[in-house]
Amino acid sequence: MKNIFKQLKSKIIVVFVIFAFIFSFSLSHPPLFGFGEAGAQEIIDPAPADDETAETADDTTEPAVTTEVPPAEEAEESWPAVTEETTVIETDQAETAGEPETATTTDENIATEDGAATTTLSAPEVDISQATTTPSDVSQATTTPEEVLSAAEESVDVVSNSSSDATVPATFTRGLHIISPSIIAQWQMSIDISDDDTQRGAQFLPSAQYQVDTRVTVCALVADTSGAENISGVTAAVFYPDDAALTNASSTRPMCGQQKAALSLEKMPAGESAAVLCDNIRNNNNSLITWGKSPDGPEYGYENVCGSEGFLQKQKAAVFCAEMPLAYNDPAGIYHLSVAAANSGGIKNTSAGDFQYLRLTSFEHDFTAIQYGQISENELKVLAGDTVWSGASAPTVRNTGNTNLQIKISQNDFGLGKTGMEWNISYQARVGADAPVTLYLPYETAILNNLLGLGELAGVDFGALIKQFPASSDAVYFAGELTLTADYAPFAVCAQ
């Protein structure tokens, strides 16, 4: 039964589609179906019967009877409107095998009752005055999918940020006040605006060369409420480490926290100040600066000094600098500074700071080889040094670092070897003519007793004792090696 209904349904759909096409085509082409101007003549009399044809056959000259039809406009007005109509087709099972004339069937329209199927067909209402589209018009009115998509896109306003909410960071910098005058910051740097370590603050290495200083620039950033032009002077005092005392009595330099230098700092041009502080130091070595504390409590920082709202740009502050030497033999340790600034009103302010002179133990000697000369068996041969730096045969050493040091020495055996368990050669050495000698054997490292103080120069005595020559050797020339190194030695403790 279901298959019969499905066949009936499909056939009804096909017939209905054909019917709808013929109906719509007749409306748009009335002349083809006797409507409009092309059908202005309409035959009124029906076709005559056979017996009447004989009576009229002889009278061929009598005109045909016609009736005039109104013009096309009037015909259109008088044409009855097509209204929606409903066709009900009833069929039994026997008729389902036939070909139905018109039908459109949907699942909702089909209902079964006692073996009969009822299909309701609805034709839409058609206004003939509007149904004037010709096939050519239809082809011209065709719209492509691309045109439809383009029109849809043009009718939509595209919003790039369609999010209904947004969260962005917001910041500000606290503005800090200054007093008259204020030492905003201070720092120390080498000539290339750097230092020799990554720790906070400034650290410098000595040159490790005799009488070659390390140049240090001491700087301060000073501000005044009346402007940088109101600052009348900036000075700095530099002090030795307070935990280092000299070990050699010949030096007259004060130590143990005594003042090393007094400096008068000069004002940098405004553009150069900003370039040094806000560009070079900030980007390359921003831990170099020691910031002062503001009257508001927090420390000053780059954000208070640099930029369009900073003290430098507003000409409220200026950088003041002076250069000073750290001698090759100045002691390693923490150097303290006191910076003072004054304005034209006579008001002064001070700030404390420090920097570190990094420890480096170093020495140099004026000889390139040790020539013992001729040595006989069981003879101690001593090569005496002196305090004349000449490069002659008398050995001399000099401390070029910034710490006290002790010389260490070692030598090989010149190839003499041992007799039994005993070495065939032994050595002795000392630093300074008054120091005790230190004895040592081949391949041992000996520490010489005497300290070599800061910048101190001393003669070194080297001695060798040949106990016996190997019986198996007839050699008369012997060559060996002597090695000197140095160890750091602490400074004497400063008196409290």
Protein backbone atom coordinates (compact mmCIF):
# COMPACT_ATOMS: atom_id res chain seq x y z
CA MET A 1 0.00 0.00 0.00
CA LYS A 2 2.78 2.42 0.90
CA ASN A 3 4.47 1.81 -2.46
CA ILE A 4 1.21 2.64 -4.28
CA PHE A 5 0.97 5.90 -2.36
CA LYS A 6 4.58 6.78 -3.16
CA GLN A 7 3.99 6.15 -6.89
CA LEU A 8 0.80 8.20 -6.80
CA LYS A 9 2.61 10.99 -4.98
CA SER A 10 5.46 11.27 -7.50
CA LYS A 11 3.10 11.18 -10.50
CA ILE A 12 0.82 13.81 -9.03
CA ILE A 13 3.85 16.09 -8.46
CA VAL A 14 4.96 15.77 -12.10
CA VAL A 15 1.46 16.45 -13.47
CA PHE A 16 1.01 19.46 -11.19
CA VAL A 17 4.33 20.98 -12.25
CA ILE A 18 3.37 20.61 -15.95
CA PHE A 19 -0.02 22.14 -15.25
CA ALA A 20 1.46 25.10 -13.39
CA PHE A 21 3.97 25.80 -16.21
CA ILE A 22 1.23 25.74 -18.92
CA PHE A 23 -1.02 27.97 -16.83
CA SER A 24 1.66 30.61 -16.15
CA PHE A 25 2.83 30.54 -19.80
CA SER A 26 -0.74 31.12 -21.04
CA LEU A 27 -1.06 34.17 -18.83
CA SER A 28 2.13 35.74 -20.18
CA HIS A 29 1.27 34.87 -23.86
CA PRO A 30 -2.48 35.51 -24.35
CA PRO A 31 -2.37 35.64 -28.20
CA LEU A 32 -1.40 32.01 -28.33
CA PHE A 33 -4.58 31.07 -26.45
CA GLY A 34 -7.09 33.46 -28.20
CA PHE A 35 -6.78 36.32 -25.61
CA GLY A 36 -5.91 39.93 -26.21
CA GLU A 37 -5.54 41.70 -29.56
CA ALA A 38 -4.55 38.58 -31.48
CA GLY A 39 -7.91 37.05 -30.55
CA ALA A 40 -10.10 40.06 -31.50
CA GLN A 41 -12.46 37.86 -33.53
CA GLU A 42 -14.51 35.22 -31.77
CA ILE A 43 -16.80 32.70 -33.58
CA ILE A 44 -20.21 32.84 -31.95
CA ASP A 45 -22.18 30.17 -33.87
CA PRO A 46 -21.32 26.64 -33.06
CA ALA A 47 -20.41 24.27 -35.85
CA PRO A 48 -23.55 23.42 -37.96
CA ALA A 49 -25.08 20.03 -38.02
CA ASP A 50 -24.79 17.80 -41.12
CA ASP A 51 -28.31 18.66 -42.38
CA GLU A 52 -27.72 22.39 -42.01
CA THR A 53 -24.50 22.26 -44.03
CA ALA A 54 -26.40 21.32 -47.15
CA GLU A 55 -28.73 24.29 -46.82
CA THR A 56 -25.94 26.84 -46.57
CA ALA A 57 -23.55 25.27 -49.04
CA ASP A 58 -25.14 27.05 -51.98
CA ASP A 59 -25.05 30.46 -50.38
CA THR A 60 -21.31 31.11 -50.26
CA THR A 61 -21.47 34.84 -50.67
CA GLU A 62 -23.17 35.57 -47.39
CA PRO A 63 -20.63 37.09 -44.91
CA ALA A 64 -19.61 35.20 -41.79
CA VAL A 65 -21.25 36.28 -38.55
CA THR A 66 -18.67 37.79 -36.12
CA THR A 67 -18.78 39.71 -32.91
CA GLU A 68 -16.36 42.52 -32.08
CA VAL A 69 -14.23 42.18 -29.00
CA PRO A 70 -13.23 45.25 -26.96
CA PRO A 71 -9.65 46.54 -27.23
CA ALA A 72 -6.91 44.85 -25.30
CA GLU A 73 -7.05 47.27 -22.36
CA GLU A 74 -10.76 46.70 -21.93
CA ALA A 75 -10.26 42.98 -22.33
CA GLU A 76 -7.72 43.01 -19.54
CA GLU A 77 -10.09 44.91 -17.28
CA SER A 78 -12.95 42.52 -17.99
CA TRP A 79 -10.83 39.38 -17.59
CA PRO A 80 -11.89 37.63 -14.44
CA ALA A 81 -9.29 37.36 -11.67
CA VAL A 82 -7.99 33.92 -10.99
CA THR A 83 -8.73 33.00 -7.43
CA GLU A 84 -7.32 30.24 -5.31
CA GLU A 85 -9.13 27.02 -5.89
CA THR A 86 -8.98 23.67 -4.32
CA THR A 87 -9.28 20.45 -6.24
CA VAL A 88 -10.16 17.27 -4.49
CA ILE A 89 -9.43 14.03 -6.28
CA GLU A 90 -10.74 10.84 -4.90
CA THR A 91 -9.51 7.52 -6.17
CA ASP A 92 -9.71 3.95 -5.09
CA GLN A 93 -7.08 1.26 -5.25
CA ALA A 94 -8.07 0.23 -8.74
CA GLU A 95 -7.43 3.70 -10.07
CA THR A 96 -3.97 4.05 -8.54
CA ALA A 97 -2.49 1.97 -11.31
CA GLY A 98 -3.53 4.64 -13.79
CA GLU A 99 -1.77 7.89 -14.55
CA PRO A 100 -3.30 10.76 -12.50
CA GLU A 101 -3.76 14.02 -14.40
CA THR A 102 -2.64 16.65 -11.85
CA ALA A 103 -1.44 16.18 -8.35
CA THR A 104 1.13 17.49 -5.84
CA THR A 105 1.52 15.36 -2.80
CA THR A 106 3.32 15.96 0.48
CA ASP A 107 3.61 13.70 3.49
CA GLU A 108 1.26 15.99 5.41
CA ASN A 109 -1.44 15.89 2.63
CA ILE A 110 -1.68 12.09 2.52
CA ALA A 111 -4.15 10.38 4.80
CA THR A 112 -5.34 6.81 4.53
CA GLU A 113 -8.86 5.70 5.41
CA ASP A 114 -10.44 2.43 4.27
CA GLY A 115 -7.91 1.96 1.48
CA ALA A 116 -8.51 5.42 -0.08
CA ALA A 117 -6.01 8.30 -0.41
CA THR A 118 -7.13 11.91 -0.43
CA THR A 119 -4.75 14.61 -1.75
CA THR A 120 -5.55 18.28 -1.49
CA LEU A 121 -3.95 20.53 -4.08
CA SER A 122 -3.82 24.32 -3.70
CA ALA A 123 -3.07 26.70 -6.57
CA PRO A 124 -1.73 30.11 -5.53
CA GLU A 125 -3.59 33.30 -6.43
CA VAL A 126 -2.23 34.94 -9.59
CA ASP A 127 -2.59 38.60 -10.56
CA ILE A 128 -2.64 38.64 -14.41
CA SER A 129 -1.71 42.32 -14.58
CA GLN A 130 1.57 41.53 -12.83
CA ALA A 131 2.25 38.27 -14.69
CA THR A 132 3.75 39.87 -17.80
CA THR A 133 7.22 38.38 -17.61
CA THR A 134 8.51 36.88 -20.81
CA PRO A 135 11.16 34.21 -21.11
CA SER A 136 13.63 36.88 -22.26
CA ASP A 137 12.84 38.93 -19.18
CA VAL A 138 13.51 35.92 -17.01
CA SER A 139 16.94 35.35 -18.56
CA GLN A 140 17.86 38.99 -18.03
CA ALA A 141 16.73 38.97 -14.43
CA THR A 142 18.93 36.03 -13.57
CA THR A 143 21.19 36.78 -10.48
CA THR A 144 24.41 34.85 -9.97
CA PRO A 145 25.46 33.55 -6.51
CA GLU A 146 28.52 35.86 -6.62
CA GLU A 147 26.26 38.92 -7.08
CA VAL A 148 24.06 37.85 -4.21
CA LEU A 149 27.11 37.35 -1.93
CA SER A 150 28.58 40.72 -2.93
CA ALA A 151 25.30 42.50 -2.19
CA ALA A 152 25.09 40.77 1.18
CA GLU A 153 28.63 41.81 2.10
CA GLU A 154 27.97 45.42 1.14
CA SER A 155 24.90 45.50 3.36
CA VAL A 156 26.85 44.35 6.45
CA ASP A 157 28.94 46.79 8.48
CA VAL A 158 32.19 44.99 9.36
CA VAL A 159 33.47 45.78 12.88
CA SER A 160 37.15 44.95 13.41
CA ASN A 161 36.93 44.73 17.22
CA SER A 162 33.72 42.87 17.91
CA SER A 163 34.52 42.17 21.56
CA SER A 164 31.95 43.56 23.94
CA ASP A 165 34.60 44.44 26.54
CA ALA A 166 38.37 45.14 26.74
CA THR A 167 40.99 45.38 29.49
CA VAL A 168 44.24 47.28 28.95
CA PRO A 169 47.02 48.14 31.43
CA ALA A 170 47.10 51.60 32.94
CA THR A 171 50.12 53.06 34.75
CA PHE A 172 51.44 56.25 36.26
CA THR A 173 54.63 57.37 37.96
CA ARG A 174 54.68 59.02 41.32
CA GLY A 175 56.06 62.52 41.17
CA LEU A 176 58.73 63.20 43.79
CA HIS A 177 59.64 66.58 45.21
CA ILE A 178 63.06 68.15 45.54
CA ILE A 179 64.56 70.47 48.09
CA SER A 180 67.06 73.21 47.44
CA PRO A 181 69.50 71.75 46.56
CA SER A 182 68.86 67.99 46.24
CA ILE A 183 71.52 65.42 45.35
CA ILE A 184 69.33 63.17 43.24
CA ALA A 185 72.02 60.57 42.46
CA GLN A 186 75.73 59.95 42.38
CA TRP A 187 77.94 57.47 40.57
CA GLN A 188 81.49 56.74 39.47
CA MET A 189 82.51 55.50 36.05
CA SER A 190 85.51 54.88 33.85
CA ILE A 191 86.30 56.99 30.81
CA ASP A 192 84.06 54.78 28.62
CA ILE A 193 81.09 55.23 30.99
CA SER A 194 81.33 51.75 32.48
CA ASP A 195 82.93 49.80 35.30
CA ASP A 196 84.56 46.39 35.71
CA ASP A 197 81.86 44.31 37.40
CA THR A 198 78.11 43.69 37.20
CA GLN A 199 77.42 44.23 40.90
CA ARG A 200 75.33 47.19 42.00
CA GLY A 201 77.42 50.35 42.25
CA ALA A 202 80.84 50.91 40.69
CA GLN A 203 83.82 48.54 40.72
CA PHE A 204 87.23 49.16 39.13
CA LEU A 205 90.32 47.06 38.47
CA PRO A 206 93.87 48.38 38.76
CA SER A 207 96.08 48.52 35.69
CA ALA A 208 98.58 45.96 37.08
CA GLN A 209 101.30 48.12 35.52
CA TYR A 210 103.89 50.15 37.33
CA GLN A 211 102.82 53.80 37.69
CA VAL A 212 99.81 53.37 35.37
CA ASP A 213 96.69 54.74 37.07
CA THR A 214 93.04 53.83 36.66
CA ARG A 215 91.07 56.97 35.79
CA VAL A 216 87.74 57.31 37.58
CA THR A 217 85.09 59.98 37.01
CA VAL A 218 83.03 60.98 40.04
CA CYS A 219 79.58 62.39 39.15
CA ALA A 220 76.52 63.74 40.91
CA LEU A 221 73.07 64.73 39.66
CA VAL A 222 72.00 67.83 41.59
CA ALA A 223 68.60 69.57 41.43
CA ASP A 224 67.21 72.84 42.75
CA THR A 225 63.64 74.11 42.92
CA SER A 226 64.75 77.36 41.27
CA GLY A 227 66.46 75.51 38.43
CA ALA A 228 69.90 74.09 37.72
CA GLU A 229 71.32 77.58 37.18
CA ASN A 230 70.78 78.26 40.88
CA ILE A 231 73.34 75.57 41.87
CA SER A 232 76.55 77.36 42.82
CA GLY A 233 78.93 74.47 43.47
CA VAL A 234 79.33 70.73 43.89
CA THR A 235 82.31 69.07 45.61
CA ALA A 236 83.32 65.54 46.57
CA ALA A 237 85.73 64.11 49.13
CA VAL A 238 87.16 60.61 48.55
CA PHE A 239 88.50 58.44 51.39
CA TYR A 240 90.74 55.36 51.50
CA PRO A 241 89.35 52.06 52.75
CA ASP A 242 89.12 52.03 56.52
CA ASP A 243 90.49 48.46 56.85
CA ALA A 244 93.87 48.76 55.08
CA ALA A 245 97.20 49.86 56.57
CA LEU A 246 100.56 50.11 54.84
CA THR A 247 103.14 47.43 55.60
CA ASN A 248 106.27 49.21 54.39
CA ALA A 249 107.62 52.00 56.57
CA SER A 250 109.14 53.87 53.63
CA SER A 251 105.69 55.04 52.40
CA THR A 252 104.23 58.28 53.72
CA ARG A 253 100.73 57.84 52.28
CA PRO A 254 97.98 57.95 54.90
CA MET A 255 95.65 54.95 55.05
CA CYS A 256 92.88 53.57 57.28
CA GLY A 257 90.03 55.78 56.09
CA GLN A 258 92.12 58.88 55.58
CA GLN A 259 91.10 61.31 52.84
CA LYS A 260 92.55 60.52 49.45
CA ALA A 261 91.27 63.40 47.30
CA ALA A 262 89.12 66.54 47.30
CA LEU A 263 87.35 67.23 44.02
CA SER A 264 85.47 70.16 42.51
CA LEU A 265 82.82 68.86 40.13
CA GLU A 266 82.12 70.71 36.88
CA LYS A 267 78.69 71.07 35.27
CA MET A 268 77.98 69.07 32.10
CA PRO A 269 76.01 70.62 29.22
CA ALA A 270 72.31 69.75 29.41
CA GLY A 271 72.26 67.62 26.26
CA GLU A 272 75.35 65.68 27.31
CA SER A 273 73.90 65.09 30.78
CA ALA A 274 70.78 63.46 29.35
CA ALA A 275 72.80 61.37 26.88
CA VAL A 276 75.12 60.02 29.58
CA LEU A 277 72.53 59.32 32.26
CA CYS A 278 69.25 58.59 30.43
CA ASP A 279 70.71 56.84 27.40
CA ASN A 280 74.12 55.30 27.99
CA ILE A 281 74.00 54.41 31.68
CA ARG A 282 70.29 53.58 31.77
CA ASN A 283 70.49 51.23 28.79
CA ASN A 284 73.95 49.73 29.32
CA ASN A 285 74.83 49.86 33.02
CA ASN A 286 71.80 50.98 35.02
CA SER A 287 73.08 49.40 38.24
CA LEU A 288 75.89 51.94 38.31
CA ILE A 289 73.76 54.65 39.93
CA THR A 290 73.30 55.21 43.65
CA TRP A 291 69.98 57.05 44.01
CA GLY A 292 69.27 59.56 46.72
CA LYS A 293 66.17 59.53 48.89
CA SER A 294 63.45 62.07 48.19
CA PRO A 295 61.75 64.17 50.90
CA ASP A 296 58.60 62.15 50.07
CA GLY A 297 60.30 58.95 51.24
CA PRO A 298 60.99 56.83 48.11
CA GLU A 299 64.29 56.89 46.26
CA TYR A 300 64.53 58.85 43.04
CA GLY A 301 64.80 56.91 39.79
CA TYR A 302 65.20 57.26 36.04
CA GLU A 303 61.48 57.96 35.66
CA ASN A 304 61.87 61.12 37.77
CA VAL A 305 64.92 62.35 35.89
CA CYS A 306 64.51 61.36 32.24
CA GLY A 307 61.78 62.03 29.70
CA SER A 308 59.64 65.07 28.99
CA GLU A 309 58.55 65.39 32.62
CA GLY A 310 61.95 64.65 34.15
CA PHE A 311 64.14 67.04 36.11
CA LEU A 312 66.70 67.24 33.29
CA GLN A 313 64.17 68.17 30.61
CA LYS A 314 62.62 70.78 32.89
CA GLN A 315 66.14 72.12 33.63
CA LYS A 316 65.64 71.60 37.32
CA ALA A 317 68.76 69.41 37.56
CA ALA A 318 72.22 69.06 36.03
CA VAL A 319 75.08 66.54 36.10
CA PHE A 320 78.37 67.57 37.71
CA CYS A 321 81.57 65.49 37.28
CA ALA A 322 85.30 65.45 38.06
CA GLU A 323 88.03 62.96 37.26
CA MET A 324 90.45 61.43 39.76
CA PRO A 325 93.20 58.79 39.56
CA LEU A 326 93.28 55.49 41.36
CA ALA A 327 96.98 54.68 41.50
CA TYR A 328 98.19 51.23 40.53
CA ASN A 329 99.33 50.80 44.15
CA ASP A 330 96.32 52.30 45.92
CA PRO A 331 94.91 49.61 48.24
CA ALA A 332 92.05 47.41 47.19
CA GLY A 333 88.84 47.88 49.09
CA ILE A 334 85.80 50.13 49.52
CA TYR A 335 86.41 53.84 48.97
CA HIS A 336 83.93 56.23 50.56
CA LEU A 337 82.72 59.51 49.14
CA SER A 338 80.94 62.53 50.51
CA VAL A 339 79.28 64.79 47.93
CA ALA A 340 78.23 68.31 48.87
CA ALA A 341 76.09 70.73 46.84
CA ALA A 342 75.28 74.39 47.47
CA ASN A 343 72.97 76.91 45.80
CA SER A 344 73.18 80.63 45.36
CA GLY A 345 71.30 81.14 48.61
CA GLY A 346 74.07 79.44 50.55
CA ILE A 347 72.02 76.33 51.34
CA LYS A 348 74.03 73.09 51.35
CA ASN A 349 73.19 69.44 51.17
CA THR A 350 75.40 66.34 51.32
CA SER A 351 75.18 62.74 50.20
CA ALA A 352 77.35 59.71 50.95
CA GLY A 353 78.41 57.01 48.50
CA ASP A 354 81.16 54.51 47.78
CA PHE A 355 82.87 52.44 45.10
CA GLN A 356 85.11 49.38 45.14
CA TYR A 357 88.69 49.05 43.98
CA LEU A 358 88.77 45.38 43.05
CA ARG A 359 91.59 43.23 44.40
CA LEU A 360 94.34 42.24 41.98
CA THR A 361 97.60 40.60 43.01
CA SER A 362 100.33 41.27 40.48
CA PHE A 363 104.12 41.68 40.27
CA GLU A 364 106.82 42.08 37.67
CA HIS A 365 110.56 41.25 37.50
CA ASP A 366 113.53 42.70 35.68
CA PHE A 367 115.18 39.45 34.59
CA THR A 368 114.44 36.97 31.87
CA ALA A 369 116.72 34.14 33.01
CA ILE A 370 118.74 33.02 36.03
CA GLN A 371 122.43 32.44 35.36
CA TYR A 372 124.04 30.58 38.26
CA GLY A 373 127.38 30.34 36.52
CA GLN A 374 129.78 27.51 37.40
CA ILE A 375 128.81 25.29 40.30
CA SER A 376 131.07 22.58 41.72
CA GLU A 377 129.94 19.51 43.65
CA ASN A 378 128.96 20.27 47.27
CA GLU A 379 129.09 23.98 46.50
CA LEU A 380 126.26 26.42 47.32
CA LYS A 381 126.04 29.03 44.59
CA VAL A 382 124.00 32.19 45.37
CA LEU A 383 122.84 34.74 42.82
CA ALA A 384 122.12 37.93 44.80
CA GLY A 385 119.46 40.41 43.79
CA ASP A 386 119.31 44.19 44.24
CA THR A 387 116.82 47.05 44.29
CA VAL A 388 117.95 48.57 41.03
CA TRP A 389 115.45 48.05 38.22
CA SER A 390 117.90 47.60 35.41
CA GLY A 391 117.45 44.22 33.81
CA ALA A 392 121.06 43.33 34.75
CA SER A 393 122.11 40.04 36.28
CA ALA A 394 120.94 40.99 39.82
CA PRO A 395 117.27 39.91 40.10
CA THR A 396 114.62 42.40 41.25
CA VAL A 397 110.85 42.08 41.71
CA ARG A 398 108.22 44.74 42.15
CA ASN A 399 104.60 44.71 43.38
CA THR A 400 102.33 46.15 40.65
CA GLY A 401 99.00 45.09 42.14
CA ASN A 402 96.81 46.72 44.79
CA THR A 403 97.38 44.09 47.51
CA ASN A 404 100.27 42.87 49.60
CA LEU A 405 101.78 39.70 48.19
CA GLN A 406 104.10 36.82 48.88
CA ILE A 407 106.34 35.36 46.19
CA LYS A 408 106.15 31.62 45.53
CA ILE A 409 108.91 29.69 43.79
CA SER A 410 109.53 26.24 42.29
CA GLN A 411 112.25 24.64 40.14
CA ASN A 412 112.99 21.36 38.42
CA ASP A 413 116.10 19.23 39.08
CA PHE A 414 118.20 20.19 36.03
CA GLY A 415 118.12 16.50 35.15
CA LEU A 416 120.39 15.57 38.05
CA GLY A 417 117.86 13.23 39.61
CA LYS A 418 118.32 11.42 42.89
CA THR A 419 120.90 9.23 44.57
CA GLY A 420 118.96 6.70 46.51
CA MET A 421 116.15 8.65 48.13
CA GLU A 422 117.95 11.99 48.12
CA TRP A 423 117.82 14.69 45.45
CA ASN A 424 121.22 15.56 44.01
CA ILE A 425 120.35 19.31 44.09
CA SER A 426 118.51 21.61 46.51
CA TYR A 427 117.60 25.34 46.54
CA GLN A 428 117.09 28.39 48.70
CA ALA A 429 115.64 31.88 48.05
CA ARG A 430 114.48 35.06 49.76
CA VAL A 431 112.90 38.42 48.93
CA GLY A 432 114.84 41.32 50.42
CA ALA A 433 118.36 41.37 51.78
CA ASP A 434 117.24 41.15 55.43
CA ALA A 435 114.68 38.37 55.03
CA PRO A 436 115.38 34.79 56.13
CA VAL A 437 116.03 32.28 53.37
CA THR A 438 113.55 29.59 52.45
CA LEU A 439 114.84 26.11 51.57
CA TYR A 440 113.06 23.91 49.04
CA LEU A 441 113.65 20.82 46.88
CA PRO A 442 113.03 20.22 43.17
CA TYR A 443 109.38 20.30 42.10
CA GLU A 444 108.25 21.73 45.43
CA THR A 445 106.50 25.10 45.62
CA ALA A 446 107.88 27.28 48.39
CA ILE A 447 106.38 30.50 49.79
CA LEU A 448 109.03 33.08 50.53
CA ASN A 449 108.67 34.61 53.97
CA ASN A 450 108.92 38.29 53.27
CA LEU A 451 105.82 40.27 52.20
CA LEU A 452 106.05 42.61 49.26
CA GLY A 453 103.93 45.68 50.08
CA LEU A 454 102.03 48.05 47.78
CA GLY A 455 104.35 49.36 45.08
CA GLU A 456 107.35 47.84 46.87
CA LEU A 457 110.47 46.79 44.99
CA ALA A 458 112.98 44.24 46.36
CA GLY A 459 115.96 42.16 45.33
CA VAL A 460 115.53 38.39 45.17
CA ASP A 461 118.36 36.01 46.09
CA PHE A 462 118.47 32.58 44.43
CA GLY A 463 120.79 29.80 45.63
CA ALA A 464 121.55 26.25 44.42
CA LEU A 465 123.53 23.45 46.15
CA ILE A 466 124.89 20.49 44.11
CA LYS A 467 125.29 17.53 46.43
CA GLN A 468 126.72 15.27 43.75
CA PHE A 469 126.60 14.72 40.04
CA PRO A 470 125.25 11.43 38.75
CA ALA A 471 128.07 8.93 38.15
CA SER A 472 126.54 7.92 34.84
CA SER A 473 126.61 11.45 33.43
CA ASP A 474 129.53 13.21 31.75
CA ALA A 475 127.49 16.37 30.96
CA VAL A 476 128.96 19.75 31.72
CA TYR A 477 126.00 21.96 30.74
CA PHE A 478 122.70 21.79 32.55
CA ALA A 479 119.45 23.61 31.88
CA GLY A 480 116.35 23.82 34.00
CA GLU A 481 113.33 26.01 34.79
CA LEU A 482 112.42 28.34 37.62
CA THR A 483 108.82 29.48 38.19
CA LEU A 484 107.68 32.47 40.24
CA THR A 485 104.08 33.17 41.23
CA ALA A 486 102.46 35.34 43.90
CA ASP A 487 99.75 34.95 46.52
CA TYR A 488 97.56 37.65 48.00
CA ALA A 489 98.56 38.73 51.46
CA PRO A 490 96.18 40.73 53.70
CA PHE A 491 96.81 44.26 54.86
CA ALA A 492 97.74 45.05 58.40
CA VAL A 493 94.76 45.79 60.59
CA CYS A 494 94.02 49.48 61.14
CA ALA A 495 94.14 50.75 64.69
CA GLN A 496 90.72 51.51 66.15
